[in-house]
Amino acid sequence: MEQGPERAPNVLAERKSELLMAARAAITTVVVGQERLVERLLIALLCNGHVLIEGVPGLAKTLTVTTLARTIHAGFQRIQFTPDLLPADLTGTLVFYQKTGEFLPKKGPIFTNIVLADEINRAPAKVQSALLEAMQERQVTIGDATYPLDDPFMVLATQNPIEQEGTYPLPEAQTDRFMLKLAVTYPSKEEELEILRRMARNRPALSVAPVMSGTDVRDMRDLVDTIYMDPKIEEYIVSLVDASRNPKAWGLDIGRFIQYGASPRATIFLALTARAHALFHGRGYVTPADVKSLAPEVLRHRIILSYEAEAEGVTPEQMIDRILDGVKVP
């Protein structure tokens, strides 16, 4: 792909990818392994999207998010979600000032750039809804006034998949608001040895210097929109999503395992993240490999499995692999 429309953004993509590499390098000075998690978080940052991170305790989910926030000259708030949390604890409330006799807004911790919603499934539905409304509308209503949220604004939510007691699982309609759902796995033996050497001390070195500003992030988001995508790749993205809804039409014998296919939001996010993935790797154009790389994270929480699939232990990832194998690559 060396056509004219691609050459101009290609130079800028290479230049901006160096900034992204610097951010990734800064994060890896603190976080061992988890390269895929770090890359996906940076891609979501480029796409102005929110991320749901799922993994058992102790896999550096919170540390990675905190370190990412430190690499950017931007505001950061960590909110520990608990069963007694109220929506006002998140968004803010009206406070009566006796001297003036007025109710004035006191903004909550959501008024920042990067929000870490730690263990989001521990808070009741009202709190989750307040957060997800802010994610979708990028504004918060306090009393009778509406306040826009900062730009950039990004929610990174974590949840524990194994401990269900005292949790309020996110409904599928709400998880669909997250651009990506990342599954964090255990480190390799070599990575865990490095974790031991780096972190098994009373005062581990966790400092990292900012490498980019909010303006840099906004500029890179504008650049993502200029990344060239061939019409055949656009059709490929639509075909992948359609195959999750109508697998029989694509010669896939998986219809009994899928109750609902991916939403149109999946089509939008898959195209957007593919462009960001190309920029991340210094290219001004999208390849099918960009699409296939992001498909698991974009689709895994948007394909709703049937009872038969759950009974047979079928996973969304297995369905995504079948779809990627069954739809012809352009």
Protein backbone atom coordinates (compact mmCIF):
# COMPACT_ATOMS: atom_id res chain seq x y z
CA MET A 1 0.00 0.00 0.00
CA GLU A 2 2.09 2.89 -1.31
CA GLN A 3 -0.60 5.04 -2.86
CA GLY A 4 -0.68 8.84 -2.71
CA PRO A 5 -3.35 9.32 -0.01
CA GLU A 6 -1.26 7.24 2.41
CA ARG A 7 2.11 8.95 2.16
CA ALA A 8 1.30 12.22 3.97
CA PRO A 9 -0.13 10.70 7.17
CA ASN A 10 2.54 7.98 7.09
CA VAL A 11 5.32 10.44 8.02
CA LEU A 12 3.23 11.90 10.84
CA ALA A 13 2.26 8.40 11.99
CA GLU A 14 5.92 7.43 12.30
CA ARG A 15 6.65 10.60 14.25
CA LYS A 16 3.73 10.22 16.64
CA SER A 17 4.37 6.50 17.12
CA GLU A 18 7.72 7.47 18.64
CA LEU A 19 5.84 9.37 21.33
CA LEU A 20 3.67 6.31 21.96
CA MET A 21 6.75 4.10 22.15
CA ALA A 22 8.21 6.49 24.72
CA ALA A 23 5.02 6.21 26.79
CA ARG A 24 5.11 2.42 26.56
CA ALA A 25 8.78 2.37 27.54
CA ALA A 26 8.06 4.57 30.56
CA ILE A 27 5.28 2.24 31.70
CA THR A 28 7.47 -0.85 31.31
CA THR A 29 10.03 0.64 33.69
CA VAL A 30 7.43 0.03 36.39
CA VAL A 31 5.19 -2.75 35.02
CA VAL A 32 6.77 -6.07 34.09
CA GLY A 33 5.23 -7.87 31.12
CA GLN A 34 1.58 -7.10 30.23
CA GLU A 35 2.70 -5.69 26.86
CA ARG A 36 -0.69 -6.37 25.28
CA LEU A 37 -2.50 -4.61 28.16
CA VAL A 38 -0.26 -1.55 27.90
CA GLU A 39 -0.63 -1.34 24.11
CA ARG A 40 -4.42 -1.68 24.28
CA LEU A 41 -4.70 1.04 26.91
CA LEU A 42 -2.71 3.43 24.72
CA ILE A 43 -4.85 2.52 21.70
CA ALA A 44 -8.02 3.25 23.69
CA LEU A 45 -6.49 6.58 24.72
CA LEU A 46 -5.99 7.41 21.03
CA CYS A 47 -9.61 6.48 20.28
CA ASN A 48 -11.18 8.47 23.12
CA GLY A 49 -12.63 5.20 24.40
CA HIS A 50 -13.15 3.51 27.76
CA VAL A 51 -11.73 0.15 28.83
CA LEU A 52 -12.98 -2.67 31.05
CA ILE A 53 -10.09 -4.71 32.48
CA GLU A 54 -10.85 -8.16 33.87
CA GLY A 55 -8.40 -10.34 35.77
CA VAL A 56 -7.79 -12.05 39.08
CA PRO A 57 -6.22 -10.00 41.91
CA GLY A 58 -2.51 -9.27 41.84
CA LEU A 59 -1.95 -8.99 38.09
CA ALA A 60 -0.93 -5.29 38.16
CA LYS A 61 -4.18 -3.96 36.67
CA THR A 62 -4.33 -0.99 39.02
CA LEU A 63 -0.56 -0.41 38.84
CA THR A 64 -0.64 -0.34 35.03
CA VAL A 65 -3.50 2.16 34.91
CA THR A 66 -1.88 4.38 37.55
CA THR A 67 1.43 4.32 35.70
CA LEU A 68 -0.27 5.16 32.40
CA ALA A 69 -1.86 8.21 34.04
CA ARG A 70 1.57 9.33 35.28
CA THR A 71 3.01 9.30 31.75
CA ILE A 72 0.52 12.04 30.76
CA HIS A 73 0.34 15.64 32.02
CA ALA A 74 -3.30 15.13 33.02
CA GLY A 75 -5.56 14.74 36.03
CA PHE A 76 -6.08 11.31 37.58
CA GLN A 77 -8.51 9.95 40.17
CA ARG A 78 -8.79 6.45 41.56
CA ILE A 79 -12.24 5.57 42.89
CA GLN A 80 -12.60 2.40 44.93
CA PHE A 81 -16.08 1.05 44.23
CA THR A 82 -17.84 -0.40 47.28
CA PRO A 83 -21.40 -1.60 47.99
CA ASP A 84 -22.20 1.56 50.01
CA LEU A 85 -21.00 4.00 47.33
CA LEU A 86 -23.58 6.57 46.22
CA PRO A 87 -23.89 8.30 42.82
CA ALA A 88 -23.17 11.65 44.51
CA ASP A 89 -19.85 10.24 45.77
CA LEU A 90 -18.89 9.93 42.13
CA THR A 91 -20.46 12.89 40.36
CA GLY A 92 -20.80 15.43 43.16
CA THR A 93 -23.73 17.16 44.82
CA LEU A 94 -25.20 20.52 45.84
CA VAL A 95 -23.92 21.96 49.11
CA PHE A 96 -25.76 24.67 51.07
CA TYR A 97 -23.56 27.65 52.00
CA GLN A 98 -25.04 29.39 55.01
CA LYS A 99 -23.24 32.69 54.41
CA THR A 100 -24.77 33.19 50.98
CA GLY A 101 -27.92 31.16 51.48
CA GLU A 102 -27.27 29.36 48.20
CA PHE A 103 -26.84 25.78 47.06
CA LEU A 104 -23.60 25.53 45.10
CA PRO A 105 -22.21 22.50 43.27
CA LYS A 106 -19.37 20.50 44.75
CA LYS A 107 -17.91 18.47 41.92
CA GLY A 108 -17.00 14.85 42.51
CA PRO A 109 -13.86 12.91 41.58
CA ILE A 110 -15.20 12.11 38.11
CA PHE A 111 -14.20 15.64 37.04
CA THR A 112 -10.70 14.69 35.89
CA ASN A 113 -8.97 13.29 32.81
CA ILE A 114 -8.37 9.63 33.67
CA VAL A 115 -10.66 7.80 36.10
CA LEU A 116 -9.76 4.42 37.54
CA ALA A 117 -13.00 2.72 38.60
CA ASP A 118 -11.47 -0.01 40.74
CA GLU A 119 -13.67 -3.12 41.13
CA ILE A 120 -16.59 -1.49 39.33
CA ASN A 121 -18.80 -4.54 39.89
CA ARG A 122 -18.76 -3.99 43.67
CA ALA A 123 -20.95 -0.89 43.44
CA PRO A 124 -24.75 -1.05 43.03
CA ALA A 125 -26.49 -0.42 39.72
CA LYS A 126 -27.26 3.26 40.43
CA VAL A 127 -23.56 4.09 40.79
CA GLN A 128 -22.63 2.07 37.72
CA SER A 129 -25.32 3.88 35.74
CA ALA A 130 -24.08 7.29 36.89
CA LEU A 131 -20.56 6.42 35.72
CA LEU A 132 -21.68 4.95 32.42
CA GLU A 133 -23.91 7.95 31.69
CA ALA A 134 -20.90 10.21 32.17
CA MET A 135 -18.89 7.93 29.87
CA GLN A 136 -21.49 8.12 27.12
CA GLU A 137 -22.55 11.76 27.35
CA ARG A 138 -19.25 13.14 28.71
CA GLN A 139 -21.18 15.44 30.99
CA VAL A 140 -22.66 15.32 34.49
CA THR A 141 -25.84 16.90 35.83
CA ILE A 142 -25.75 18.27 39.39
CA GLY A 143 -29.05 19.73 40.50
CA ASP A 144 -30.51 21.56 37.50
CA ALA A 145 -27.17 22.38 35.83
CA THR A 146 -25.11 20.28 33.44
CA TYR A 147 -21.31 20.38 33.51
CA PRO A 148 -19.07 19.10 30.71
CA LEU A 149 -16.28 16.71 31.65
CA ASP A 150 -12.64 17.40 30.92
CA ASP A 151 -10.99 16.50 27.63
CA PRO A 152 -9.39 14.01 27.43
CA PHE A 153 -11.74 11.96 29.60
CA MET A 154 -11.17 8.22 29.94
CA VAL A 155 -12.62 5.60 32.29
CA LEU A 156 -10.55 2.51 33.02
CA ALA A 157 -12.63 0.06 35.05
CA THR A 158 -11.38 -3.14 36.65
CA GLN A 159 -13.33 -6.16 37.81
CA ASN A 160 -12.52 -9.50 39.42
CA PRO A 161 -14.00 -12.46 37.49
CA ILE A 162 -13.72 -15.08 40.26
CA GLU A 163 -15.16 -13.48 43.40
CA GLN A 164 -18.91 -13.04 42.90
CA GLU A 165 -20.07 -12.59 46.50
CA GLY A 166 -21.04 -8.97 47.15
CA THR A 167 -20.81 -7.94 43.51
CA TYR A 168 -23.26 -6.42 41.05
CA PRO A 169 -22.30 -7.72 37.59
CA LEU A 170 -22.48 -5.20 34.76
CA PRO A 171 -25.36 -5.93 32.35
CA GLU A 172 -24.43 -6.55 28.72
CA ALA A 173 -26.03 -3.26 27.65
CA GLN A 174 -23.69 -1.41 29.98
CA THR A 175 -20.52 -3.32 29.11
CA ASP A 176 -21.24 -2.46 25.46
CA ARG A 177 -20.35 1.16 26.31
CA PHE A 178 -16.75 0.10 26.89
CA MET A 179 -14.70 0.23 23.71
CA LEU A 180 -12.45 -2.65 24.79
CA LYS A 181 -12.64 -5.47 27.29
CA LEU A 182 -9.18 -6.70 28.20
CA ALA A 183 -8.50 -10.06 29.81
CA VAL A 184 -5.35 -9.96 31.94
CA THR A 185 -3.53 -13.28 32.38
CA TYR A 186 -0.73 -14.54 34.61
CA PRO A 187 2.86 -13.56 33.76
CA SER A 188 5.37 -16.06 32.40
CA LYS A 189 7.92 -17.64 34.72
CA GLU A 190 10.65 -15.30 33.44
CA GLU A 191 8.42 -12.24 33.90
CA GLU A 192 7.49 -13.30 37.42
CA LEU A 193 11.16 -13.67 38.29
CA GLU A 194 11.71 -10.08 37.12
CA ILE A 195 8.66 -8.99 39.16
CA LEU A 196 10.23 -10.59 42.24
CA ARG A 197 13.55 -8.84 41.71
CA ARG A 198 11.94 -5.47 41.03
CA MET A 199 9.01 -5.42 43.46
CA ALA A 200 9.92 -7.66 46.43
CA ARG A 201 11.19 -4.82 48.58
CA ASN A 202 9.72 -2.38 51.07
CA ARG A 203 10.10 0.59 48.73
CA PRO A 204 9.97 -0.51 45.08
CA ALA A 205 10.83 2.13 42.48
CA LEU A 206 7.46 3.17 41.01
CA SER A 207 8.22 6.68 39.77
CA VAL A 208 7.74 7.61 36.12
CA ALA A 209 8.01 10.97 34.38
CA PRO A 210 5.29 12.36 32.07
CA VAL A 211 6.16 12.00 28.38
CA MET A 212 3.12 13.56 26.71
CA SER A 213 0.46 16.17 27.39
CA GLY A 214 -3.27 16.35 26.90
CA THR A 215 -2.62 18.38 23.74
CA ASP A 216 -0.45 15.56 22.39
CA VAL A 217 -3.30 13.12 23.01
CA ARG A 218 -5.82 15.34 21.22
CA ASP A 219 -3.43 15.83 18.27
CA MET A 220 -2.92 12.09 17.95
CA ARG A 221 -6.69 11.52 18.04
CA ASP A 222 -7.03 13.89 15.10
CA LEU A 223 -4.29 11.97 13.31
CA VAL A 224 -6.10 8.66 13.87
CA ASP A 225 -8.98 9.97 11.73
CA THR A 226 -6.58 10.55 8.82
CA ILE A 227 -5.22 6.98 8.76
CA TYR A 228 -6.18 5.47 5.40
CA MET A 229 -8.59 2.52 5.36
CA ASP A 230 -9.24 0.75 2.07
CA PRO A 231 -12.93 0.09 1.24
CA LYS A 232 -12.17 -3.65 1.17
CA ILE A 233 -11.06 -3.49 4.80
CA GLU A 234 -14.21 -1.55 5.70
CA GLU A 235 -16.23 -4.36 4.11
CA TYR A 236 -14.12 -6.91 6.01
CA ILE A 237 -14.98 -5.25 9.34
CA VAL A 238 -18.69 -5.21 8.52
CA SER A 239 -18.47 -8.86 7.45
CA LEU A 240 -16.88 -9.90 10.75
CA VAL A 241 -19.64 -8.23 12.75
CA ASP A 242 -22.34 -9.63 10.48
CA ALA A 243 -20.89 -13.13 10.89
CA SER A 244 -21.46 -12.84 14.64
CA ARG A 245 -25.17 -12.20 13.96
CA ASN A 246 -25.72 -14.48 10.94
CA PRO A 247 -23.07 -17.20 11.20
CA LYS A 248 -25.00 -19.60 8.95
CA ALA A 249 -24.77 -17.15 6.04
CA TRP A 250 -20.98 -17.37 6.33
CA GLY A 251 -20.87 -21.16 6.51
CA LEU A 252 -20.22 -21.18 10.25
CA ASP A 253 -21.88 -23.86 12.39
CA ILE A 254 -21.87 -21.80 15.58
CA GLY A 255 -25.38 -20.31 15.54
CA ARG A 256 -26.58 -22.47 18.42
CA PHE A 257 -23.88 -21.01 20.64
CA ILE A 258 -24.63 -17.30 19.99
CA GLN A 259 -27.77 -15.73 21.39
CA TYR A 260 -27.00 -12.19 20.23
CA GLY A 261 -24.28 -10.96 17.90
CA ALA A 262 -22.21 -7.82 18.16
CA SER A 263 -23.87 -4.40 18.02
CA PRO A 264 -23.18 -1.67 15.41
CA ARG A 265 -21.00 -0.07 18.06
CA ALA A 266 -18.61 -2.98 17.48
CA THR A 267 -18.30 -2.01 13.82
CA ILE A 268 -17.45 1.58 14.72
CA PHE A 269 -14.98 0.66 17.44
CA LEU A 270 -13.28 -2.05 15.38
CA ALA A 271 -12.62 0.43 12.57
CA LEU A 272 -11.44 3.14 14.98
CA THR A 273 -9.11 0.88 16.97
CA ALA A 274 -7.69 -0.62 13.78
CA ARG A 275 -6.70 2.89 12.68
CA ALA A 276 -5.16 3.58 16.09
CA HIS A 277 -3.30 0.25 15.95
CA ALA A 278 -1.82 1.28 12.60
CA LEU A 279 -0.74 4.64 14.05
CA PHE A 280 0.74 2.89 17.10
CA HIS A 281 2.97 0.89 14.75
CA GLY A 282 3.95 3.91 12.68
CA ARG A 283 1.80 3.31 9.60
CA GLY A 284 -0.53 5.68 7.79
CA TYR A 285 -2.78 2.89 6.53
CA VAL A 286 -4.76 -0.03 7.99
CA THR A 287 -4.05 -3.67 7.18
CA PRO A 288 -6.27 -6.72 7.85
CA ALA A 289 -3.80 -7.68 10.59
CA ASP A 290 -4.77 -4.50 12.49
CA VAL A 291 -8.41 -5.55 12.40
CA LYS A 292 -7.73 -9.15 13.43
CA SER A 293 -5.46 -8.00 16.27
CA LEU A 294 -8.18 -5.87 17.91
CA ALA A 295 -11.17 -8.13 17.16
CA PRO A 296 -10.98 -10.18 20.42
CA GLU A 297 -10.96 -7.08 22.66
CA VAL A 298 -13.72 -5.31 20.73
CA LEU A 299 -16.02 -8.32 20.31
CA ARG A 300 -15.59 -10.48 23.43
CA HIS A 301 -18.11 -8.53 25.53
CA ARG A 302 -20.50 -7.92 22.64
CA ILE A 303 -21.15 -11.53 21.63
CA ILE A 304 -23.77 -12.92 24.01
CA LEU A 305 -23.60 -16.68 24.33
CA SER A 306 -26.58 -19.02 24.58
CA TYR A 307 -27.35 -21.39 27.46
CA GLU A 308 -26.10 -24.25 25.30
CA ALA A 309 -22.72 -22.55 24.93
CA GLU A 310 -22.45 -22.03 28.68
CA ALA A 311 -23.40 -25.65 29.32
CA GLU A 312 -20.69 -26.87 26.96
CA GLY A 313 -18.06 -24.44 28.24
CA VAL A 314 -17.82 -22.48 25.00
CA THR A 315 -16.19 -19.04 25.35
CA PRO A 316 -16.65 -15.83 23.34
CA GLU A 317 -12.98 -16.03 22.36
CA GLN A 318 -13.58 -19.41 20.70
CA MET A 319 -16.47 -17.93 18.73
CA ILE A 320 -14.33 -14.98 17.65
CA ASP A 321 -11.59 -17.34 16.46
CA ARG A 322 -14.14 -19.28 14.39
CA ILE A 323 -15.45 -16.04 12.87
CA LEU A 324 -11.93 -14.80 12.02
CA ASP A 325 -11.16 -18.16 10.40
CA GLY A 326 -14.47 -18.26 8.51
CA VAL A 327 -14.55 -14.76 7.00
CA LYS A 328 -12.24 -14.32 4.02
CA VAL A 329 -9.44 -11.80 4.51
CA PRO A 330 -9.21 -9.18 1.71
